[in-house]
């Protein structure tokens, strides 16, 4: 399957122009060192991501992408058609992310930290669905209104797995008075009907190599969940702030459960660059170094801090609380080559106190 896909991609490259057909992809290699409160340490190295995609824009209104992953639990990533049937009105159909969460909707290729925050515990993976988005422009102001309906993911459909059906909406506002200055605000909500299926929530301490979940819960006979998310971001030249809060209400045949999670982060480009923002998607895009190494420069250097929190009441009404503190250093050699270093202190305070220290590095290349 994988060999056939690669062969098809290579053949198609010879037949079509870049606008109609383009190959893209990314490869990410990582190494991590773990140490617990007892001083016991382990280390891991592996390929974190290896993906390839075909994409194109046959017309000014039509866009498509098919992305396949050779690593991780989900093979198929973005698989969609997007059509702008009226200026600033987009409809997207396929295996896509639900429109909730600023960090989640910004691609991993551009996110400030190696792993997303603990708020991702409440979010679904990509799912098959249809989404409508409207962008409103008014001088320095940008508004987006997005709504969608979703079923199973493409992987779950192929594997005949069960999943809930979702309805999701998101509204954002961005004030962009000058270049490299931004105020972003957003609110989103997702309703998922599980029809008395089992819901499992778990998370690792912001490291994909960590071999167990610090926080985990299973709730049987779930009727539905409702998630509400608030998001904000500020860019002021080479400084940025970003934060999100999420609340999930889980309803099963016997009880209601309220979970919550949030994070706040800041970053500063020592070399003077700025994080970049895509108003049309209401999410962040790639950083462009002022002096990339391909032009004899030193690239872009960024330091970042984040605090991330998760509180889950499990089925036995025993709270599980985790707080992660992350320090990051990023070097952007070019716009598509990046090295990252993260130190994570993960603290579990309920039901029992424990601590994990994680040091990890990443080399990332995308094309």
Protein backbone atom coordinates (compact mmCIF):
# COMPACT_ATOMS: atom_id res chain seq x y z
CA UNK A 1 0.00 0.00 0.00
CA UNK A 2 2.68 2.49 1.02
CA UNK A 3 4.98 1.59 -1.89
CA UNK A 4 2.12 1.95 -4.37
CA UNK A 5 1.21 5.35 -2.98
CA UNK A 6 4.79 6.59 -3.27
CA UNK A 7 5.06 5.28 -6.84
CA UNK A 8 1.83 7.04 -7.81
CA UNK A 9 3.03 10.31 -6.32
CA UNK A 10 6.31 10.19 -8.23
CA UNK A 11 4.62 9.39 -11.54
CA UNK A 12 2.03 12.11 -11.15
CA UNK A 13 4.74 14.69 -10.49
CA UNK A 14 5.98 14.20 -14.05
CA UNK A 15 2.54 14.72 -15.57
CA UNK A 16 1.11 17.81 -13.90
CA UNK A 17 2.11 21.37 -13.14
CA UNK A 18 2.85 22.46 -9.58
CA UNK A 19 -0.45 24.36 -9.31
CA UNK A 20 -2.46 21.26 -10.16
CA UNK A 21 -0.25 18.69 -8.48
CA UNK A 22 2.44 19.12 -5.85
CA UNK A 23 4.21 16.74 -3.49
CA UNK A 24 4.69 17.85 0.11
CA UNK A 25 5.78 16.10 3.26
CA UNK A 26 7.68 16.21 6.49
CA UNK A 27 10.08 14.12 8.50
CA UNK A 28 10.74 14.65 12.20
CA UNK A 29 13.40 12.84 14.25
CA UNK A 30 13.43 13.03 18.04
CA UNK A 31 15.37 11.92 21.08
CA UNK A 32 14.09 12.09 24.66
CA UNK A 33 15.46 11.46 28.15
CA UNK A 34 13.07 10.72 31.05
CA UNK A 35 13.78 10.84 34.77
CA UNK A 36 11.24 10.21 37.56
CA UNK A 37 11.27 11.45 41.15
CA UNK A 38 13.23 8.35 42.21
CA UNK A 39 16.09 9.24 39.90
CA UNK A 40 15.38 6.40 37.45
CA UNK A 41 16.06 7.42 33.87
CA UNK A 42 15.36 6.06 30.38
CA UNK A 43 15.88 7.40 26.88
CA UNK A 44 14.22 6.94 23.49
CA UNK A 45 15.01 7.90 19.89
CA UNK A 46 12.78 7.47 16.88
CA UNK A 47 11.16 9.05 13.85
CA UNK A 48 8.29 11.07 15.33
CA UNK A 49 6.64 11.90 12.01
CA UNK A 50 7.08 10.76 8.42
CA UNK A 51 4.34 12.00 6.12
CA UNK A 52 3.82 12.55 2.43
CA UNK A 53 1.04 14.44 0.71
CA UNK A 54 -0.24 15.38 -2.69
CA UNK A 55 -2.03 18.67 -3.03
CA UNK A 56 -2.97 21.22 -5.59
CA UNK A 57 -5.17 24.07 -6.71
CA UNK A 58 -6.61 23.21 -10.15
CA UNK A 59 -8.58 26.48 -10.20
CA UNK A 60 -8.61 29.64 -8.10
CA UNK A 61 -11.68 28.31 -6.28
CA UNK A 62 -10.82 24.61 -5.89
CA UNK A 63 -8.17 23.10 -3.64
CA UNK A 64 -7.42 19.55 -2.53
CA UNK A 65 -4.99 17.55 -0.36
CA UNK A 66 -4.33 13.89 0.42
CA UNK A 67 -1.86 13.25 3.26
CA UNK A 68 -0.63 9.86 4.45
CA UNK A 69 1.40 9.14 7.62
CA UNK A 70 3.92 6.32 7.97
CA UNK A 71 4.12 6.83 11.75
CA UNK A 72 1.64 7.14 14.62
CA UNK A 73 -1.75 5.56 15.21
CA UNK A 74 -3.61 7.20 12.32
CA UNK A 75 -2.55 6.57 8.72
CA UNK A 76 -4.71 9.14 6.95
CA UNK A 77 -4.36 12.80 7.88
CA UNK A 78 -5.83 15.63 5.77
CA UNK A 79 -7.86 14.19 2.90
CA UNK A 80 -10.21 16.82 1.53
CA UNK A 81 -11.66 18.99 -1.22
CA UNK A 82 -12.18 22.69 -0.58
CA UNK A 83 -14.26 24.98 -2.79
CA UNK A 84 -14.75 28.74 -2.56
CA UNK A 85 -18.20 28.96 -4.11
CA UNK A 86 -18.59 32.67 -3.25
CA UNK A 87 -15.69 35.01 -2.37
CA UNK A 88 -14.74 34.42 1.27
CA UNK A 89 -17.17 31.49 1.62
CA UNK A 90 -15.41 28.12 1.78
CA UNK A 91 -16.85 24.63 1.94
CA UNK A 92 -14.49 21.77 2.85
CA UNK A 93 -15.39 18.07 2.65
CA UNK A 94 -13.27 15.13 3.75
CA UNK A 95 -11.10 13.84 6.61
CA UNK A 96 -10.30 17.09 8.43
CA UNK A 97 -9.81 18.60 11.86
CA UNK A 98 -12.87 19.77 13.70
CA UNK A 99 -12.81 23.60 13.97
CA UNK A 100 -11.99 23.93 17.65
CA UNK A 101 -8.78 25.03 19.34
CA UNK A 102 -6.21 27.58 18.12
CA UNK A 103 -3.27 25.31 18.94
CA UNK A 104 -4.95 22.27 17.37
CA UNK A 105 -5.80 24.08 14.13
CA UNK A 106 -2.25 25.40 13.73
CA UNK A 107 -0.19 22.69 12.05
CA UNK A 108 2.42 20.87 14.12
CA UNK A 109 5.04 22.14 11.66
CA UNK A 110 4.70 25.66 13.08
CA UNK A 111 3.63 25.19 16.71
CA UNK A 112 6.03 26.67 19.25
CA UNK A 113 6.51 23.50 21.32
CA UNK A 114 7.32 19.93 20.32
CA UNK A 115 3.97 18.63 21.57
CA UNK A 116 0.62 20.34 21.99
CA UNK A 117 -0.69 21.18 25.46
CA UNK A 118 -2.89 19.10 27.77
CA UNK A 119 -6.03 20.73 26.29
CA UNK A 120 -5.71 18.29 23.38
CA UNK A 121 -7.09 15.60 25.71
CA UNK A 122 -10.60 16.89 24.98
CA UNK A 123 -10.32 17.12 21.19
CA UNK A 124 -11.14 14.54 18.55
CA UNK A 125 -8.73 13.39 15.87
CA UNK A 126 -9.46 14.21 12.23
CA UNK A 127 -12.90 13.02 11.17
CA UNK A 128 -14.93 12.70 8.00
CA UNK A 129 -17.24 15.65 7.67
CA UNK A 130 -18.32 18.83 5.94
CA UNK A 131 -17.37 22.33 7.06
CA UNK A 132 -18.49 25.81 6.01
CA UNK A 133 -16.39 28.88 6.74
CA UNK A 134 -16.95 32.60 6.14
CA UNK A 135 -14.26 35.27 6.38
CA UNK A 136 -15.28 38.89 6.99
CA UNK A 137 -12.81 41.71 6.28
CA UNK A 138 -13.21 45.21 7.68
CA UNK A 139 -10.08 47.39 7.46
CA UNK A 140 -7.77 46.10 10.23
CA UNK A 141 -10.38 43.66 11.53
CA UNK A 142 -10.91 40.04 10.50
CA UNK A 143 -13.74 37.74 11.55
CA UNK A 144 -14.25 34.05 10.83
CA UNK A 145 -17.41 32.00 11.31
CA UNK A 146 -17.02 28.22 10.94
CA UNK A 147 -19.46 25.35 11.40
CA UNK A 148 -19.25 21.66 10.59
CA UNK A 149 -20.76 18.21 11.06
CA UNK A 150 -18.54 15.14 11.49
CA UNK A 151 -18.78 11.36 11.79
CA UNK A 152 -16.03 8.72 11.94
CA UNK A 153 -12.44 9.31 10.96
CA UNK A 154 -11.24 7.79 7.69
CA UNK A 155 -9.11 5.31 9.66
CA UNK A 156 -12.07 4.27 11.81
CA UNK A 157 -14.20 3.83 8.69
CA UNK A 158 -11.57 1.58 7.10
CA UNK A 159 -11.10 -0.41 10.32
CA UNK A 160 -14.85 -0.50 11.08
CA UNK A 161 -14.37 1.16 14.48
CA UNK A 162 -17.06 3.01 16.42
CA UNK A 163 -16.99 6.76 17.03
CA UNK A 164 -19.36 9.58 17.90
CA UNK A 165 -21.03 12.07 15.58
CA UNK A 166 -20.15 15.72 16.17
CA UNK A 167 -21.44 19.21 15.45
CA UNK A 168 -18.82 21.94 15.90
CA UNK A 169 -18.78 25.73 15.59
CA UNK A 170 -16.07 28.38 15.95
CA UNK A 171 -16.02 32.18 15.79
CA UNK A 172 -12.87 34.31 15.82
CA UNK A 173 -11.88 37.96 15.74
CA UNK A 174 -8.46 39.34 14.82
CA UNK A 175 -7.26 42.92 15.08
CA UNK A 176 -4.25 43.49 12.83
CA UNK A 177 -3.39 47.22 12.91
CA UNK A 178 0.19 46.86 11.65
CA UNK A 179 2.60 44.24 10.39
CA UNK A 180 3.71 41.88 13.20
CA UNK A 181 0.98 43.10 15.54
CA UNK A 182 -2.08 41.00 16.33
CA UNK A 183 -4.84 40.50 18.85
CA UNK A 184 -6.76 37.24 18.35
CA UNK A 185 -9.89 36.16 20.23
CA UNK A 186 -11.96 33.06 19.65
CA UNK A 187 -14.72 30.86 21.02
CA UNK A 188 -15.77 27.39 19.91
CA UNK A 189 -18.09 24.59 20.96
CA UNK A 190 -18.39 20.92 20.03
CA UNK A 191 -21.26 18.53 20.71
CA UNK A 192 -20.62 14.79 20.23
CA UNK A 193 -23.29 12.08 20.46
CA UNK A 194 -21.78 8.76 21.59
CA UNK A 195 -25.00 6.73 21.80
CA UNK A 196 -23.94 4.93 25.01
CA UNK A 197 -20.43 4.09 23.81
CA UNK A 198 -17.38 4.09 26.06
CA UNK A 199 -15.32 7.29 26.27
CA UNK A 200 -11.62 7.09 27.08
CA UNK A 201 -9.58 10.17 27.94
CA UNK A 202 -5.85 9.99 28.58
CA UNK A 203 -2.72 12.03 28.13
CA UNK A 204 1.05 11.76 28.29
CA UNK A 205 3.14 14.59 29.78
CA UNK A 206 3.71 16.41 26.46
CA UNK A 207 6.12 13.81 25.10
CA UNK A 208 5.15 11.23 22.49
CA UNK A 209 7.82 8.81 23.73
CA UNK A 210 6.45 8.64 27.29
CA UNK A 211 5.32 5.03 27.76
CA UNK A 212 2.28 5.54 29.98
CA UNK A 213 -0.54 7.96 30.73
CA UNK A 214 -0.26 10.10 33.84
CA UNK A 215 -3.96 10.94 33.60
CA UNK A 216 -6.48 8.44 32.29
CA UNK A 217 -10.17 7.70 32.72
CA UNK A 218 -12.85 5.57 31.10
CA UNK A 219 -16.56 6.30 31.29
CA UNK A 220 -19.09 3.74 30.10
CA UNK A 221 -22.50 4.32 28.54
CA UNK A 222 -21.76 7.88 27.46
CA UNK A 223 -24.71 9.65 25.88
CA UNK A 224 -22.96 12.83 24.77
CA UNK A 225 -20.21 15.35 25.46
CA UNK A 226 -20.20 19.14 25.14
CA UNK A 227 -16.90 21.00 24.92
CA UNK A 228 -16.56 24.79 25.13
CA UNK A 229 -13.26 26.46 24.23
CA UNK A 230 -11.95 30.00 24.65
CA UNK A 231 -8.78 31.16 22.91
CA UNK A 232 -6.62 34.27 22.72
CA UNK A 233 -3.28 35.33 21.29
CA UNK A 234 -1.21 38.50 21.16
CA UNK A 235 1.70 39.26 18.86
CA UNK A 236 3.75 42.39 19.41
CA UNK A 237 6.74 42.30 17.08
CA UNK A 238 9.09 39.55 18.35
CA UNK A 239 7.01 38.80 21.49
CA UNK A 240 3.87 36.68 21.71
CA UNK A 241 1.36 35.45 24.27
CA UNK A 242 -1.17 32.66 23.73
CA UNK A 243 -3.69 30.82 25.88
CA UNK A 244 -6.75 28.59 25.78
CA UNK A 245 -9.33 27.28 28.24
CA UNK A 246 -11.53 24.23 27.63
CA UNK A 247 -14.38 22.71 29.59
CA UNK A 248 -15.88 19.32 28.73
CA UNK A 249 -19.18 18.08 30.11
CA UNK A 250 -19.67 14.32 29.84
CA UNK A 251 -23.14 12.86 30.27
CA UNK A 252 -23.75 9.16 30.70
CA UNK A 253 -26.87 7.28 31.78
CA UNK A 254 -26.11 7.86 35.47
CA UNK A 255 -24.06 11.04 35.95
CA UNK A 256 -22.67 14.27 34.54
CA UNK A 257 -18.94 14.96 34.72
CA UNK A 258 -17.16 18.28 34.25
CA UNK A 259 -13.52 18.28 33.09
CA UNK A 260 -11.33 21.30 32.46
CA UNK A 261 -7.96 22.15 30.95
CA UNK A 262 -6.00 25.27 30.06
CA UNK A 263 -2.60 26.53 29.07
CA UNK A 264 -0.77 29.84 28.80
CA UNK A 265 2.45 30.35 26.88
CA UNK A 266 4.80 33.09 25.76
CA UNK A 267 7.66 33.29 23.28
CA UNK A 268 10.34 35.78 22.29
CA UNK A 269 12.46 35.84 19.15
CA UNK A 270 15.98 36.84 20.15
CA UNK A 271 16.83 37.57 16.51
CA UNK A 272 13.84 39.86 15.93
CA UNK A 273 11.44 37.69 13.93
CA UNK A 274 7.71 37.49 14.61
CA UNK A 275 5.18 34.68 14.64
CA UNK A 276 2.99 34.78 11.55
CA UNK A 277 -0.80 34.53 11.42
CA UNK A 278 -3.18 33.41 8.67
CA UNK A 279 -6.36 35.45 8.98
CA UNK A 280 -8.23 33.25 6.51
CA UNK A 281 -7.70 30.18 8.70
CA UNK A 282 -7.52 32.05 12.04
CA UNK A 283 -4.41 30.08 12.96
CA UNK A 284 -0.63 30.45 12.93
CA UNK A 285 1.69 29.78 9.97
CA UNK A 286 5.40 29.20 9.47
CA UNK A 287 8.13 31.53 10.70
CA UNK A 288 10.46 33.06 8.11
CA UNK A 289 13.96 33.83 9.42
CA UNK A 290 15.31 37.25 8.54
CA UNK A 291 18.75 35.78 7.95
CA UNK A 292 18.48 32.06 7.00
CA UNK A 293 21.64 30.00 6.90
CA UNK A 294 21.22 29.57 3.13
CA UNK A 295 22.05 33.28 2.86
CA UNK A 296 24.95 33.14 5.29
CA UNK A 297 22.87 34.13 8.33
CA UNK A 298 22.33 32.56 11.74
CA UNK A 299 18.65 31.72 11.27
CA UNK A 300 15.95 32.64 13.79
CA UNK A 301 16.22 31.87 17.52
CA UNK A 302 13.19 31.67 19.80
CA UNK A 303 12.78 30.97 23.52
CA UNK A 304 9.39 29.97 24.95
CA UNK A 305 7.63 29.08 28.21
CA UNK A 306 4.35 27.25 28.79
CA UNK A 307 2.21 26.13 31.72
CA UNK A 308 -0.46 23.53 30.97
CA UNK A 309 -3.13 22.14 33.32
CA UNK A 310 -5.63 19.26 33.20
CA UNK A 311 -8.28 18.27 35.78
CA UNK A 312 -10.39 15.14 35.21
CA UNK A 313 -13.03 13.71 37.54
CA UNK A 314 -13.13 10.00 36.73
CA UNK A 315 -16.00 7.55 36.97
CA UNK A 316 -15.27 6.97 40.68
CA UNK A 317 -15.34 10.72 41.30
CA UNK A 318 -11.63 10.76 42.18
CA UNK A 319 -9.88 13.79 40.72
CA UNK A 320 -6.83 13.43 38.47
CA UNK A 321 -4.83 16.63 38.20
CA UNK A 322 -1.74 17.22 36.08
CA UNK A 323 0.33 20.36 35.59
CA UNK A 324 3.12 20.61 33.01
CA UNK A 325 5.80 23.29 32.83
CA UNK A 326 7.73 23.51 29.55
CA UNK A 327 10.81 25.51 28.56
CA UNK A 328 11.60 25.58 24.85
CA UNK A 329 14.40 26.74 22.58
CA UNK A 330 13.85 26.77 18.80
CA UNK A 331 16.33 27.38 15.97
CA UNK A 332 14.86 28.02 12.52
CA UNK A 333 17.74 27.43 10.12
CA UNK A 334 15.42 28.21 7.20
CA UNK A 335 11.65 28.51 6.89
CA UNK A 336 11.32 24.72 6.58
CA UNK A 337 14.23 23.39 8.67
CA UNK A 338 13.96 23.65 12.44
CA UNK A 339 15.71 22.26 15.52
CA UNK A 340 13.87 22.25 18.85
CA UNK A 341 14.79 21.53 22.47
CA UNK A 342 12.16 21.17 25.24
CA UNK A 343 12.44 20.57 28.97
CA UNK A 344 9.18 19.42 30.58
CA UNK A 345 8.41 19.11 34.30
CA UNK A 346 5.18 17.11 34.67
CA UNK A 347 3.53 17.05 38.10
CA UNK A 348 0.62 14.79 39.02
CA UNK A 349 -1.07 15.96 42.23
CA UNK A 350 -4.15 13.69 42.30
CA UNK A 351 -4.89 10.90 43.10
CA UNK A 352 -1.23 10.51 44.19
CA UNK A 353 1.68 12.90 43.90
CA UNK A 354 4.38 12.11 41.33
CA UNK A 355 6.82 13.94 39.10
CA UNK A 356 8.49 13.38 35.75
CA UNK A 357 11.32 15.35 34.14
CA UNK A 358 11.72 15.14 30.38
CA UNK A 359 14.40 16.54 28.11
CA UNK A 360 13.89 16.16 24.39
CA UNK A 361 15.29 17.42 21.08
CA UNK A 362 13.89 17.41 17.56
CA UNK A 363 15.14 17.89 14.01
CA UNK A 364 12.34 18.81 11.61
CA UNK A 365 12.26 19.19 7.84
CA UNK A 366 9.22 19.82 5.69
CA UNK A 367 8.76 20.52 2.01
